[in-house]
Amino acid sequence: MKSISAVLLSAVLSTLNFSSLAAQVPAFGALRASAPQRFELVMPPAASVAAPYSPYALKTALSGEQLFSYLHETTAFSRAGYQPSYKGSKAYMYSTADNSGCDGVPGILTFYSQVCVKGSSNNGENYKEQGDANNDGVVDTFINAEHLWPQSYFNSALPMVADLHHLQSTFATPNGRRGNLPFAKVAKATYRTSSGSKLGSEGFEPADAVKGNVARAMFYFIVRYSDKNIKQGMNYNSFWTSRVNMLMEWNRQDPPDANELRRNGLVEKFQGNRNPFIDNPELVDQIGEQVFKAH
């Protein structure tokens, strides 16, 4: 017999139709009455939902390590027949997930530079910077896929390398400058973009506009893949443990916007799972700093 968490997740992921979900509420109530833990499905106000995708917020009485473990289980890929492919993920990211548009036409808002590049291609080489639009001293000739948890730290292995919840579309130069450095607060920049992303001796600092996005992607990654070999060749304290508090601050300071919610729905449509920290950023604090540091 399925656990209450499995039943709830199956119902949520199998339909994003509110009327269909509402029809199932009595069944949920019966299940909750016999369950040892309490769960509440909370839908955000209609105005905050980027149609036609309907993000959900899953609030639970769990906290700490129990909540971490619960989210690990419920963030598994669930789309029937889905086979992770890095090539396929990049094509979908460029053409759909990150293609939120530029001034009413198709295009990608580059992650670190916050410069919009027009186009509808599924190939990053077809997105070229117009002049030095991000004022970093380089005119980039393509957009690349940034792994927020660098792929060198897990040997570019599947499914991590193809998981869109931690991939972002970036110009090649800021992508290369970040490399596999930790995220940090940079005091003196040796490289910067006009959006505020910058490189320094401390590491790489993303623009304020995407600090929360970075944090939620990193928390998702550690929840989903902490049981995988994701620490190859790194100083784990320098890269992760010492940065948890900062990332928690970024999550609070830069809450999810409509585009991040939209992307979460599109990624779910592609690979069958959501980033729960986008739907409910408070889950980060509900898990807590010490638990994240322990993984």
C-alpha atoms as a PDB file:
ATOM      1  CA  MET A   1       0.000   0.000   0.000  1.00  0.00           C
ATOM      2  CA  LYS A   2       1.321   3.407  -0.885  1.00  0.00           C
ATOM      3  CA  SER A   3       2.288   5.842   1.892  1.00  0.00           C
ATOM      4  CA  ILE A   4       0.291   9.050   2.359  1.00  0.00           C
ATOM      5  CA  SER A   5       3.152  11.086   0.871  1.00  0.00           C
ATOM      6  CA  ALA A   6       3.247   8.870  -2.228  1.00  0.00           C
ATOM      7  CA  VAL A   7      -0.529   9.117  -2.711  1.00  0.00           C
ATOM      8  CA  LEU A   8      -0.492  12.887  -2.386  1.00  0.00           C
ATOM      9  CA  LEU A   9       2.420  13.343  -4.755  1.00  0.00           C
ATOM     10  CA  SER A  10       0.887  11.005  -7.327  1.00  0.00           C
ATOM     11  CA  ALA A  11      -2.353  12.984  -7.275  1.00  0.00           C
ATOM     12  CA  VAL A  12      -0.577  16.308  -7.631  1.00  0.00           C
ATOM     13  CA  LEU A  13       1.784  15.271 -10.427  1.00  0.00           C
ATOM     14  CA  SER A  14      -0.826  13.359 -12.404  1.00  0.00           C
ATOM     15  CA  THR A  15      -2.978  16.440 -12.913  1.00  0.00           C
ATOM     16  CA  LEU A  16      -2.656  20.186 -12.901  1.00  0.00           C
ATOM     17  CA  ASN A  17      -6.403  20.603 -13.482  1.00  0.00           C
ATOM     18  CA  PHE A  18      -7.909  22.257 -10.397  1.00  0.00           C
ATOM     19  CA  SER A  19     -11.427  20.903 -10.973  1.00  0.00           C
ATOM     20  CA  SER A  20     -10.122  17.324 -11.256  1.00  0.00           C
ATOM     21  CA  LEU A  21      -8.020  17.788  -8.116  1.00  0.00           C
ATOM     22  CA  ALA A  22     -10.991  19.198  -6.213  1.00  0.00           C
ATOM     23  CA  ALA A  23     -12.977  16.065  -7.004  1.00  0.00           C
ATOM     24  CA  GLN A  24     -10.358  14.042  -5.175  1.00  0.00           C
ATOM     25  CA  VAL A  25     -10.323  16.116  -1.986  1.00  0.00           C
ATOM     26  CA  PRO A  26     -12.755  13.836  -0.053  1.00  0.00           C
ATOM     27  CA  ALA A  27     -10.385  10.943  -0.689  1.00  0.00           C
ATOM     28  CA  PHE A  28      -7.522  13.033   0.615  1.00  0.00           C
ATOM     29  CA  GLY A  29      -9.508  13.790   3.742  1.00  0.00           C
ATOM     30  CA  ALA A  30     -10.142  10.132   4.432  1.00  0.00           C
ATOM     31  CA  LEU A  31      -6.472   9.323   3.995  1.00  0.00           C
ATOM     32  CA  ARG A  32      -5.388  12.142   6.280  1.00  0.00           C
ATOM     33  CA  ALA A  33      -7.694  10.920   9.045  1.00  0.00           C
ATOM     34  CA  SER A  34      -5.783   7.653   9.283  1.00  0.00           C
ATOM     35  CA  ALA A  35      -2.288   9.029   8.683  1.00  0.00           C
ATOM     36  CA  PRO A  36       0.273   9.657  11.439  1.00  0.00           C
ATOM     37  CA  GLN A  37       1.470  12.886   9.762  1.00  0.00           C
ATOM     38  CA  ARG A  38      -0.545  15.868   8.550  1.00  0.00           C
ATOM     39  CA  PHE A  39      -0.286  17.274   5.047  1.00  0.00           C
ATOM     40  CA  GLU A  40      -2.037  20.256   3.524  1.00  0.00           C
ATOM     41  CA  LEU A  41      -2.163  21.085  -0.174  1.00  0.00           C
ATOM     42  CA  VAL A  42      -2.225  24.856  -0.590  1.00  0.00           C
ATOM     43  CA  MET A  43      -2.873  26.458  -3.970  1.00  0.00           C
ATOM     44  CA  PRO A  44      -1.418  29.949  -4.567  1.00  0.00           C
ATOM     45  CA  PRO A  45      -3.723  32.837  -5.517  1.00  0.00           C
ATOM     46  CA  ALA A  46      -4.798  32.692  -9.147  1.00  0.00           C
ATOM     47  CA  ALA A  47      -3.032  35.979  -9.901  1.00  0.00           C
ATOM     48  CA  SER A  48       0.346  34.427  -9.006  1.00  0.00           C
ATOM     49  CA  VAL A  49      -0.040  31.474 -11.356  1.00  0.00           C
ATOM     50  CA  ALA A  50       1.493  31.783 -14.813  1.00  0.00           C
ATOM     51  CA  ALA A  51      -1.175  30.128 -16.995  1.00  0.00           C
ATOM     52  CA  PRO A  52      -1.530  27.428 -18.165  1.00  0.00           C
ATOM     53  CA  TYR A  53       0.731  25.971 -15.457  1.00  0.00           C
ATOM     54  CA  SER A  54      -0.584  25.757 -11.903  1.00  0.00           C
ATOM     55  CA  PRO A  55       2.228  25.494  -9.322  1.00  0.00           C
ATOM     56  CA  TYR A  56       1.344  23.970  -5.975  1.00  0.00           C
ATOM     57  CA  ALA A  57       2.766  24.560  -2.536  1.00  0.00           C
ATOM     58  CA  LEU A  58       3.072  21.427  -0.419  1.00  0.00           C
ATOM     59  CA  LYS A  59       3.079  22.332   3.254  1.00  0.00           C
ATOM     60  CA  THR A  60       3.832  19.617   5.739  1.00  0.00           C
ATOM     61  CA  ALA A  61       4.111  19.205   9.477  1.00  0.00           C
ATOM     62  CA  LEU A  62       7.514  17.610   8.924  1.00  0.00           C
ATOM     63  CA  SER A  63      10.732  19.547   9.518  1.00  0.00           C
ATOM     64  CA  GLY A  64      14.465  19.045   9.692  1.00  0.00           C
ATOM     65  CA  GLU A  65      15.874  15.703   8.568  1.00  0.00           C
ATOM     66  CA  GLN A  66      12.415  14.147   8.160  1.00  0.00           C
ATOM     67  CA  LEU A  67      11.385  16.877   5.724  1.00  0.00           C
ATOM     68  CA  PHE A  68      14.702  16.578   3.862  1.00  0.00           C
ATOM     69  CA  SER A  69      14.120  12.833   3.413  1.00  0.00           C
ATOM     70  CA  TYR A  70      10.492  13.329   2.402  1.00  0.00           C
ATOM     71  CA  LEU A  71      11.446  15.849  -0.303  1.00  0.00           C
ATOM     72  CA  HIS A  72      14.210  13.549  -1.536  1.00  0.00           C
ATOM     73  CA  GLU A  73      11.568  10.890  -2.194  1.00  0.00           C
ATOM     74  CA  THR A  74       8.995  13.203  -3.739  1.00  0.00           C
ATOM     75  CA  THR A  75      11.344  14.971  -6.169  1.00  0.00           C
ATOM     76  CA  ALA A  76      12.157  11.851  -8.168  1.00  0.00           C
ATOM     77  CA  PHE A  77      11.477  12.029 -11.923  1.00  0.00           C
ATOM     78  CA  SER A  78       7.950  10.749 -12.514  1.00  0.00           C
ATOM     79  CA  ARG A  79       7.072  11.318 -16.179  1.00  0.00           C
ATOM     80  CA  ALA A  80       6.231   7.988 -17.766  1.00  0.00           C
ATOM     81  CA  GLY A  81       8.903   6.909 -20.217  1.00  0.00           C
ATOM     82  CA  TYR A  82      11.261   9.807 -19.430  1.00  0.00           C
ATOM     83  CA  GLN A  83      14.925   8.973 -20.076  1.00  0.00           C
ATOM     84  CA  PRO A  84      17.372  11.728 -19.003  1.00  0.00           C
ATOM     85  CA  SER A  85      19.495  13.060 -21.867  1.00  0.00           C
ATOM     86  CA  TYR A  86      21.803  16.059 -21.624  1.00  0.00           C
ATOM     87  CA  LYS A  87      21.310  16.856 -25.324  1.00  0.00           C
ATOM     88  CA  GLY A  88      17.557  16.635 -24.981  1.00  0.00           C
ATOM     89  CA  SER A  89      17.500  18.773 -21.833  1.00  0.00           C
ATOM     90  CA  LYS A  90      19.559  21.528 -23.450  1.00  0.00           C
ATOM     91  CA  ALA A  91      17.338  21.558 -26.539  1.00  0.00           C
ATOM     92  CA  TYR A  92      14.213  21.893 -24.379  1.00  0.00           C
ATOM     93  CA  MET A  93      15.844  24.546 -22.184  1.00  0.00           C
ATOM     94  CA  TYR A  94      16.794  26.789 -25.098  1.00  0.00           C
ATOM     95  CA  SER A  95      13.574  26.373 -27.076  1.00  0.00           C
ATOM     96  CA  THR A  96      11.047  26.226 -24.240  1.00  0.00           C
ATOM     97  CA  ALA A  97      11.960  26.300 -20.540  1.00  0.00           C
ATOM     98  CA  ASP A  98      14.206  29.388 -20.745  1.00  0.00           C
ATOM     99  CA  ASN A  99      12.531  30.895 -23.793  1.00  0.00           C
ATOM    100  CA  SER A 100      10.343  33.386 -21.939  1.00  0.00           C
ATOM    101  CA  GLY A 101      10.531  35.943 -24.753  1.00  0.00           C
ATOM    102  CA  CYS A 102      12.058  39.322 -25.548  1.00  0.00           C
ATOM    103  CA  ASP A 103       9.660  42.244 -26.108  1.00  0.00           C
ATOM    104  CA  GLY A 104       6.865  40.024 -27.328  1.00  0.00           C
ATOM    105  CA  VAL A 105       8.938  37.717 -29.552  1.00  0.00           C
ATOM    106  CA  PRO A 106      10.705  34.442 -28.664  1.00  0.00           C
ATOM    107  CA  GLY A 107      14.000  34.775 -26.855  1.00  0.00           C
ATOM    108  CA  ILE A 108      16.118  33.831 -23.838  1.00  0.00           C
ATOM    109  CA  LEU A 109      16.894  36.053 -20.852  1.00  0.00           C
ATOM    110  CA  THR A 110      20.470  35.022 -20.104  1.00  0.00           C
ATOM    111  CA  PHE A 111      20.904  34.034 -16.474  1.00  0.00           C
ATOM    112  CA  TYR A 112      24.040  35.808 -15.232  1.00  0.00           C
ATOM    113  CA  SER A 113      23.853  38.773 -17.627  1.00  0.00           C
ATOM    114  CA  GLN A 114      20.091  39.427 -17.647  1.00  0.00           C
ATOM    115  CA  VAL A 115      20.383  40.264 -21.353  1.00  0.00           C
ATOM    116  CA  CYS A 116      17.609  38.995 -23.614  1.00  0.00           C
ATOM    117  CA  VAL A 117      18.646  37.316 -26.871  1.00  0.00           C
ATOM    118  CA  LYS A 118      15.949  36.858 -29.507  1.00  0.00           C
ATOM    119  CA  GLY A 119      15.416  33.460 -31.106  1.00  0.00           C
ATOM    120  CA  SER A 120      13.474  30.211 -30.910  1.00  0.00           C
ATOM    121  CA  SER A 121      16.187  27.666 -31.705  1.00  0.00           C
ATOM    122  CA  ASN A 122      16.913  24.600 -29.581  1.00  0.00           C
ATOM    123  CA  ASN A 123      20.651  25.135 -30.186  1.00  0.00           C
ATOM    124  CA  GLY A 124      22.598  27.517 -27.960  1.00  0.00           C
ATOM    125  CA  GLU A 125      24.981  28.369 -30.818  1.00  0.00           C
ATOM    126  CA  ASN A 126      22.169  30.263 -32.545  1.00  0.00           C
ATOM    127  CA  TYR A 127      21.881  32.816 -29.735  1.00  0.00           C
ATOM    128  CA  LYS A 128      24.503  35.544 -30.209  1.00  0.00           C
ATOM    129  CA  GLU A 129      25.183  38.605 -28.093  1.00  0.00           C
ATOM    130  CA  GLN A 130      24.473  41.835 -29.948  1.00  0.00           C
ATOM    131  CA  GLY A 131      27.601  43.874 -29.314  1.00  0.00           C
ATOM    132  CA  ASP A 132      28.865  43.798 -25.742  1.00  0.00           C
ATOM    133  CA  ALA A 133      25.335  43.928 -24.338  1.00  0.00           C
ATOM    134  CA  ASN A 134      26.355  42.865 -20.821  1.00  0.00           C
ATOM    135  CA  ASN A 135      29.408  45.177 -20.707  1.00  0.00           C
ATOM    136  CA  ASP A 136      31.860  42.476 -19.671  1.00  0.00           C
ATOM    137  CA  GLY A 137      34.373  43.279 -22.408  1.00  0.00           C
ATOM    138  CA  VAL A 138      33.531  40.254 -24.586  1.00  0.00           C
ATOM    139  CA  VAL A 139      31.040  39.755 -27.411  1.00  0.00           C
ATOM    140  CA  ASP A 140      29.756  36.210 -26.953  1.00  0.00           C
ATOM    141  CA  THR A 141      28.814  34.155 -29.983  1.00  0.00           C
ATOM    142  CA  PHE A 142      26.670  31.556 -28.221  1.00  0.00           C
ATOM    143  CA  ILE A 143      24.700  30.669 -25.103  1.00  0.00           C
ATOM    144  CA  ASN A 144      25.862  27.774 -22.963  1.00  0.00           C
ATOM    145  CA  ALA A 145      24.274  25.517 -20.333  1.00  0.00           C
ATOM    146  CA  GLU A 146      25.394  26.473 -16.829  1.00  0.00           C
ATOM    147  CA  HIS A 147      25.310  23.723 -14.216  1.00  0.00           C
ATOM    148  CA  LEU A 148      24.791  25.549 -10.939  1.00  0.00           C
ATOM    149  CA  TRP A 149      26.236  22.474  -9.212  1.00  0.00           C
ATOM    150  CA  PRO A 150      29.254  22.086 -11.549  1.00  0.00           C
ATOM    151  CA  GLN A 151      29.207  18.899 -13.586  1.00  0.00           C
ATOM    152  CA  SER A 152      32.911  18.297 -12.928  1.00  0.00           C
ATOM    153  CA  TYR A 153      31.954  17.477  -9.331  1.00  0.00           C
ATOM    154  CA  PHE A 154      29.817  14.519 -10.431  1.00  0.00           C
ATOM    155  CA  ASN A 155      31.804  13.500 -13.526  1.00  0.00           C
ATOM    156  CA  SER A 156      29.029  14.726 -15.848  1.00  0.00           C
ATOM    157  CA  ALA A 157      26.968  11.697 -14.853  1.00  0.00           C
ATOM    158  CA  LEU A 158      23.275  11.151 -15.533  1.00  0.00           C
ATOM    159  CA  PRO A 159      20.757  12.033 -14.317  1.00  0.00           C
ATOM    160  CA  MET A 160      22.420  15.053 -12.658  1.00  0.00           C
ATOM    161  CA  VAL A 161      23.983  16.453 -15.842  1.00  0.00           C
ATOM    162  CA  ALA A 162      20.561  16.578 -17.525  1.00  0.00           C
ATOM    163  CA  ASP A 163      18.420  17.817 -14.620  1.00  0.00           C
ATOM    164  CA  LEU A 164      16.962  21.145 -15.734  1.00  0.00           C
ATOM    165  CA  HIS A 165      16.236  22.275 -12.185  1.00  0.00           C
ATOM    166  CA  HIS A 166      19.924  23.240 -11.828  1.00  0.00           C
ATOM    167  CA  LEU A 167      20.699  24.153 -15.471  1.00  0.00           C
ATOM    168  CA  GLN A 168      20.494  27.731 -16.745  1.00  0.00           C
ATOM    169  CA  SER A 169      21.121  29.475 -20.072  1.00  0.00           C
ATOM    170  CA  THR A 170      24.155  31.793 -19.902  1.00  0.00           C
ATOM    171  CA  PHE A 171      26.514  33.575 -22.245  1.00  0.00           C
ATOM    172  CA  ALA A 172      29.695  31.548 -22.654  1.00  0.00           C
ATOM    173  CA  THR A 173      32.013  34.081 -20.976  1.00  0.00           C
ATOM    174  CA  PRO A 174      30.294  34.415 -17.564  1.00  0.00           C
ATOM    175  CA  ASN A 175      29.692  30.667 -17.682  1.00  0.00           C
ATOM    176  CA  GLY A 176      33.426  30.105 -18.111  1.00  0.00           C
ATOM    177  CA  ARG A 177      34.408  32.697 -15.512  1.00  0.00           C
ATOM    178  CA  ARG A 178      32.243  31.024 -12.906  1.00  0.00           C
ATOM    179  CA  GLY A 179      33.661  27.598 -13.834  1.00  0.00           C
ATOM    180  CA  ASN A 180      33.320  25.340 -10.797  1.00  0.00           C
ATOM    181  CA  LEU A 181      33.806  28.080  -8.209  1.00  0.00           C
ATOM    182  CA  PRO A 182      31.535  28.339  -5.175  1.00  0.00           C
ATOM    183  CA  PHE A 183      28.888  31.037  -5.031  1.00  0.00           C
ATOM    184  CA  ALA A 184      29.952  33.875  -2.784  1.00  0.00           C
ATOM    185  CA  LYS A 185      29.624  37.508  -1.783  1.00  0.00           C
ATOM    186  CA  VAL A 186      32.371  39.268  -3.735  1.00  0.00           C
ATOM    187  CA  ALA A 187      34.012  42.375  -2.264  1.00  0.00           C
ATOM    188  CA  LYS A 188      36.408  43.247  -5.096  1.00  0.00           C
ATOM    189  CA  ALA A 189      35.501  42.102  -8.592  1.00  0.00           C
ATOM    190  CA  THR A 190      38.037  41.030 -11.193  1.00  0.00           C
ATOM    191  CA  TYR A 191      35.241  40.409 -13.703  1.00  0.00           C
ATOM    192  CA  ARG A 192      31.667  41.656 -13.796  1.00  0.00           C
ATOM    193  CA  THR A 193      28.582  42.026 -15.962  1.00  0.00           C
ATOM    194  CA  SER A 194      26.326  45.080 -16.021  1.00  0.00           C
ATOM    195  CA  SER A 195      23.634  43.049 -14.233  1.00  0.00           C
ATOM    196  CA  GLY A 196      25.824  42.703 -11.138  1.00  0.00           C
ATOM    197  CA  SER A 197      27.211  39.189 -11.560  1.00  0.00           C
ATOM    198  CA  LYS A 198      30.891  39.241 -10.603  1.00  0.00           C
ATOM    199  CA  LEU A 199      34.004  37.173  -9.996  1.00  0.00           C
ATOM    200  CA  GLY A 200      36.441  37.684  -7.139  1.00  0.00           C
ATOM    201  CA  SER A 201      38.835  35.856  -4.871  1.00  0.00           C
ATOM    202  CA  GLU A 202      35.882  34.670  -2.788  1.00  0.00           C
ATOM    203  CA  GLY A 203      34.146  32.943  -5.702  1.00  0.00           C
ATOM    204  CA  PHE A 204      31.344  33.941  -8.073  1.00  0.00           C
ATOM    205  CA  GLU A 205      28.421  36.175  -7.137  1.00  0.00           C
ATOM    206  CA  PRO A 206      25.285  36.062  -9.315  1.00  0.00           C
ATOM    207  CA  ALA A 207      23.212  39.151 -10.024  1.00  0.00           C
ATOM    208  CA  ASP A 208      20.683  40.136  -7.346  1.00  0.00           C
ATOM    209  CA  ALA A 209      17.879  39.277  -9.785  1.00  0.00           C
ATOM    210  CA  VAL A 210      18.803  35.567  -9.697  1.00  0.00           C
ATOM    211  CA  LYS A 211      20.326  35.053  -6.250  1.00  0.00           C
ATOM    212  CA  GLY A 212      17.169  33.349  -5.006  1.00  0.00           C
ATOM    213  CA  ASN A 213      17.001  31.216  -8.162  1.00  0.00           C
ATOM    214  CA  VAL A 214      20.555  30.031  -7.498  1.00  0.00           C
ATOM    215  CA  ALA A 215      19.798  29.224  -3.868  1.00  0.00           C
ATOM    216  CA  ARG A 216      16.626  27.252  -4.617  1.00  0.00           C
ATOM    217  CA  ALA A 217      18.387  25.279  -7.372  1.00  0.00           C
ATOM    218  CA  MET A 218      21.254  24.398  -5.032  1.00  0.00           C
ATOM    219  CA  PHE A 219      18.908  23.306  -2.244  1.00  0.00           C
ATOM    220  CA  TYR A 220      16.965  21.209  -4.739  1.00  0.00           C
ATOM    221  CA  PHE A 221      20.187  19.582  -5.953  1.00  0.00           C
ATOM    222  CA  ILE A 222      21.383  18.594  -2.488  1.00  0.00           C
ATOM    223  CA  VAL A 223      17.952  17.231  -1.539  1.00  0.00           C
ATOM    224  CA  ARG A 224      17.627  15.205  -4.752  1.00  0.00           C
ATOM    225  CA  TYR A 225      21.238  13.999  -5.125  1.00  0.00           C
ATOM    226  CA  SER A 226      22.929  13.948  -1.727  1.00  0.00           C
ATOM    227  CA  ASP A 227      22.974  10.155  -1.989  1.00  0.00           C
ATOM    228  CA  LYS A 228      24.947  10.322  -5.274  1.00  0.00           C
ATOM    229  CA  ASN A 229      28.658  10.881  -5.891  1.00  0.00           C
ATOM    230  CA  ILE A 230      28.468  14.683  -6.252  1.00  0.00           C
ATOM    231  CA  LYS A 231      31.614  15.745  -4.365  1.00  0.00           C
ATOM    232  CA  GLN A 232      34.373  14.549  -6.697  1.00  0.00           C
ATOM    233  CA  GLY A 233      37.543  16.627  -6.414  1.00  0.00           C
ATOM    234  CA  MET A 234      35.993  19.425  -4.368  1.00  0.00           C
ATOM    235  CA  ASN A 235      36.583  21.027  -0.988  1.00  0.00           C
ATOM    236  CA  TYR A 236      33.083  20.341   0.304  1.00  0.00           C
ATOM    237  CA  ASN A 237      33.250  22.808   3.161  1.00  0.00           C
ATOM    238  CA  SER A 238      34.418  25.597   0.877  1.00  0.00           C
ATOM    239  CA  PHE A 239      31.910  24.815  -1.867  1.00  0.00           C
ATOM    240  CA  TRP A 240      28.818  23.879   0.135  1.00  0.00           C
ATOM    241  CA  THR A 241      28.872  23.733   3.934  1.00  0.00           C
ATOM    242  CA  SER A 242      30.213  27.245   4.511  1.00  0.00           C
ATOM    243  CA  ARG A 243      27.790  28.683   1.911  1.00  0.00           C
ATOM    244  CA  VAL A 244      24.510  27.298   3.264  1.00  0.00           C
ATOM    245  CA  ASN A 245      23.710  30.292   5.465  1.00  0.00           C
ATOM    246  CA  MET A 246      24.365  32.717   2.597  1.00  0.00           C
ATOM    247  CA  LEU A 247      22.162  30.708   0.238  1.00  0.00           C
ATOM    248  CA  MET A 248      19.383  30.692   2.830  1.00  0.00           C
ATOM    249  CA  GLU A 249      19.638  34.482   2.968  1.00  0.00           C
ATOM    250  CA  TRP A 250      19.435  34.708  -0.825  1.00  0.00           C
ATOM    251  CA  ASN A 251      16.351  32.501  -0.818  1.00  0.00           C
ATOM    252  CA  ARG A 252      14.622  34.915   1.579  1.00  0.00           C
ATOM    253  CA  GLN A 253      15.814  38.097  -0.138  1.00  0.00           C
ATOM    254  CA  ASP A 254      14.862  37.107  -3.695  1.00  0.00           C
ATOM    255  CA  PRO A 255      11.558  35.166  -3.695  1.00  0.00           C
ATOM    256  CA  PRO A 256      10.323  33.331  -6.809  1.00  0.00           C
ATOM    257  CA  ASP A 257       8.904  35.552  -9.543  1.00  0.00           C
ATOM    258  CA  ALA A 258       6.396  34.673 -12.276  1.00  0.00           C
ATOM    259  CA  ASN A 259       9.120  33.524 -14.666  1.00  0.00           C
ATOM    260  CA  GLU A 260      10.665  31.148 -12.116  1.00  0.00           C
ATOM    261  CA  LEU A 261       7.215  29.681 -11.411  1.00  0.00           C
ATOM    262  CA  ARG A 262       6.597  29.367 -15.144  1.00  0.00           C
ATOM    263  CA  ARG A 263       9.908  27.549 -15.624  1.00  0.00           C
ATOM    264  CA  ASN A 264       9.173  25.155 -12.768  1.00  0.00           C
ATOM    265  CA  GLY A 265       5.960  24.107 -14.499  1.00  0.00           C
ATOM    266  CA  LEU A 266       7.670  23.663 -17.848  1.00  0.00           C
ATOM    267  CA  VAL A 267      10.453  21.564 -16.341  1.00  0.00           C
ATOM    268  CA  GLU A 268       7.851  19.404 -14.615  1.00  0.00           C
ATOM    269  CA  LYS A 269       6.105  18.926 -17.949  1.00  0.00           C
ATOM    270  CA  PHE A 270       9.417  17.738 -19.459  1.00  0.00           C
ATOM    271  CA  GLN A 271      10.975  15.540 -16.747  1.00  0.00           C
ATOM    272  CA  GLY A 272       8.088  14.973 -14.348  1.00  0.00           C
ATOM    273  CA  ASN A 273       9.227  16.640 -11.136  1.00  0.00           C
ATOM    274  CA  ARG A 274       9.171  20.081  -9.563  1.00  0.00           C
ATOM    275  CA  ASN A 275      11.555  22.087  -7.413  1.00  0.00           C
ATOM    276  CA  PRO A 276       9.528  22.289  -4.170  1.00  0.00           C
ATOM    277  CA  PHE A 277      11.556  25.275  -2.932  1.00  0.00           C
ATOM    278  CA  ILE A 278      10.168  27.364  -5.801  1.00  0.00           C
ATOM    279  CA  ASP A 279       6.604  26.414  -4.915  1.00  0.00           C
ATOM    280  CA  ASN A 280       7.221  26.972  -1.220  1.00  0.00           C
ATOM    281  CA  PRO A 281      10.495  28.796  -0.372  1.00  0.00           C
ATOM    282  CA  GLU A 282       9.741  28.498   3.366  1.00  0.00           C
ATOM    283  CA  LEU A 283      10.633  24.808   3.166  1.00  0.00           C
ATOM    284  CA  VAL A 284      14.302  25.843   3.182  1.00  0.00           C
ATOM    285  CA  ASP A 285      14.009  27.282   6.692  1.00  0.00           C
ATOM    286  CA  GLN A 286      11.737  24.405   7.710  1.00  0.00           C
ATOM    287  CA  ILE A 287      14.585  21.997   6.944  1.00  0.00           C
ATOM    288  CA  GLY A 288      17.154  24.265   8.565  1.00  0.00           C
ATOM    289  CA  GLU A 289      20.788  25.200   8.186  1.00  0.00           C
ATOM    290  CA  GLN A 290      22.283  22.344  10.211  1.00  0.00           C
ATOM    291  CA  VAL A 291      20.481  19.647   8.214  1.00  0.00           C
ATOM    292  CA  PHE A 292      21.611  21.100   4.882  1.00  0.00           C
ATOM    293  CA  LYS A 293      25.173  21.326   6.200  1.00  0.00           C
ATOM    294  CA  ALA A 294      25.073  17.681   7.229  1.00  0.00           C
ATOM    295  CA  HIS A 295      24.467  16.442   3.671  1.00  0.00           C
END
